[in-house]
């Protein structure tokens, strides 16, 4: 089992917590990204200090990532291992609407 050491917001308005977590395994239509660069800005400061708390805890702070696809589920057709990818900040995604289901 590969462990990743992550800094998380475990509780609102509390110091960040350092935790070891197992490497996730992507499900059918998911990709696992090995992050090379991750933006950390005032958005995370607001989350850490409780002004705009995350909807779900714990959460790993950071957004606007760039990395490479490390693995993909069987249903992934658009990306391959090694592809360079970027992910913008996403406040919320329902996973059910037209835009979510088409990957927009």
Protein backbone atom coordinates (compact mmCIF):
# COMPACT_ATOMS: atom_id res chain seq x y z
CA UNK A 1 0.00 0.00 0.00
CA UNK A 2 1.42 3.37 -1.02
CA UNK A 3 0.83 6.12 1.50
CA UNK A 4 0.58 9.78 0.70
CA UNK A 5 1.33 12.36 3.37
CA UNK A 6 -1.28 15.10 3.07
CA UNK A 7 -2.11 18.31 4.86
CA UNK A 8 -5.83 18.54 5.48
CA UNK A 9 -8.41 20.88 6.89
CA UNK A 10 -9.89 18.46 9.42
CA UNK A 11 -11.99 20.95 11.41
CA UNK A 12 -13.06 24.52 10.72
CA UNK A 13 -10.88 27.17 12.37
CA UNK A 14 -8.37 24.57 13.59
CA UNK A 15 -4.70 24.11 12.63
CA UNK A 16 -4.04 22.01 9.55
CA UNK A 17 -3.56 18.30 10.20
CA UNK A 18 -0.84 16.14 8.64
CA UNK A 19 -2.20 12.70 7.79
CA UNK A 20 -1.08 9.57 5.94
CA UNK A 21 -3.66 8.27 3.49
CA UNK A 22 -3.57 5.30 1.11
CA UNK A 23 -3.22 6.13 -2.56
CA UNK A 24 -6.71 6.20 -4.07
CA UNK A 25 -7.69 3.75 -6.78
CA UNK A 26 -9.69 5.40 -9.58
CA UNK A 27 -13.18 4.08 -10.19
CA UNK A 28 -14.55 3.27 -13.66
CA UNK A 29 -14.79 6.83 -15.02
CA UNK A 30 -12.13 8.50 -12.87
CA UNK A 31 -8.46 9.31 -13.31
CA UNK A 32 -5.75 9.53 -10.67
CA UNK A 33 -3.51 12.56 -11.16
CA UNK A 34 0.05 12.78 -9.86
CA UNK A 35 0.09 16.47 -9.00
CA UNK A 36 3.19 18.44 -9.95
CA UNK A 37 1.87 21.94 -9.19
CA UNK A 38 -1.03 23.10 -7.05
CA UNK A 39 -2.24 26.65 -6.47
CA UNK A 40 -2.71 27.70 -2.87
CA UNK A 41 -4.10 31.18 -2.40
CA UNK A 42 -6.55 33.28 -0.41
CA UNK A 43 -9.34 30.78 -1.10
CA UNK A 44 -7.56 28.23 1.10
CA UNK A 45 -6.84 30.85 3.77
CA UNK A 46 -10.57 31.64 3.90
CA UNK A 47 -11.34 27.91 4.23
CA UNK A 48 -8.71 27.34 6.93
CA UNK A 49 -9.82 30.37 8.95
CA UNK A 50 -13.50 29.46 8.63
CA UNK A 51 -14.80 32.41 6.55
CA UNK A 52 -15.84 30.11 3.71
CA UNK A 53 -15.69 26.66 5.27
CA UNK A 54 -15.60 23.65 2.94
CA UNK A 55 -18.90 21.84 2.49
CA UNK A 56 -17.32 18.53 3.51
CA UNK A 57 -14.45 17.79 5.85
CA UNK A 58 -11.71 16.72 5.83
CA UNK A 59 -10.47 18.39 2.67
CA UNK A 60 -7.00 18.79 1.17
CA UNK A 61 -6.43 22.50 0.52
CA UNK A 62 -5.34 23.62 -2.91
CA UNK A 63 -6.82 24.03 -6.36
CA UNK A 64 -5.86 24.81 -9.93
CA UNK A 65 -3.64 21.75 -10.23
CA UNK A 66 -1.40 20.54 -13.03
CA UNK A 67 -0.04 17.03 -13.20
CA UNK A 68 0.06 13.79 -15.15
CA UNK A 69 -2.43 10.95 -15.30
CA UNK A 70 -1.07 8.17 -13.07
CA UNK A 71 -3.93 5.70 -13.57
CA UNK A 72 -7.43 5.51 -15.00
CA UNK A 73 -10.54 3.44 -14.56
CA UNK A 74 -11.71 1.04 -17.27
CA UNK A 75 -14.29 3.52 -18.56
CA UNK A 76 -11.80 6.34 -19.16
CA UNK A 77 -11.28 6.91 -22.90
CA UNK A 78 -10.25 10.58 -23.15
CA UNK A 79 -7.05 10.41 -21.07
CA UNK A 80 -4.13 8.01 -20.97
CA UNK A 81 -1.42 7.34 -18.40
CA UNK A 82 1.24 10.03 -18.71
CA UNK A 83 -1.05 12.66 -20.27
CA UNK A 84 -0.53 16.15 -18.86
CA UNK A 85 -3.74 17.51 -17.35
CA UNK A 86 -4.97 20.54 -15.45
CA UNK A 87 -7.92 20.99 -13.14
CA UNK A 88 -9.48 24.36 -12.36
CA UNK A 89 -11.11 25.26 -9.05
CA UNK A 90 -14.47 23.54 -8.69
CA UNK A 91 -16.77 24.83 -5.96
CA UNK A 92 -19.44 22.19 -6.44
CA UNK A 93 -20.38 19.53 -8.96
CA UNK A 94 -23.59 17.50 -8.79
CA UNK A 95 -22.31 14.66 -10.95
CA UNK A 96 -25.74 14.22 -12.51
CA UNK A 97 -26.53 17.14 -14.82
CA UNK A 98 -25.72 17.34 -18.54
CA UNK A 99 -22.48 19.27 -17.99
CA UNK A 100 -21.26 16.88 -15.29
CA UNK A 101 -22.14 13.72 -17.19
CA UNK A 102 -20.44 14.89 -20.38
CA UNK A 103 -17.31 15.96 -18.48
CA UNK A 104 -17.61 19.68 -19.19
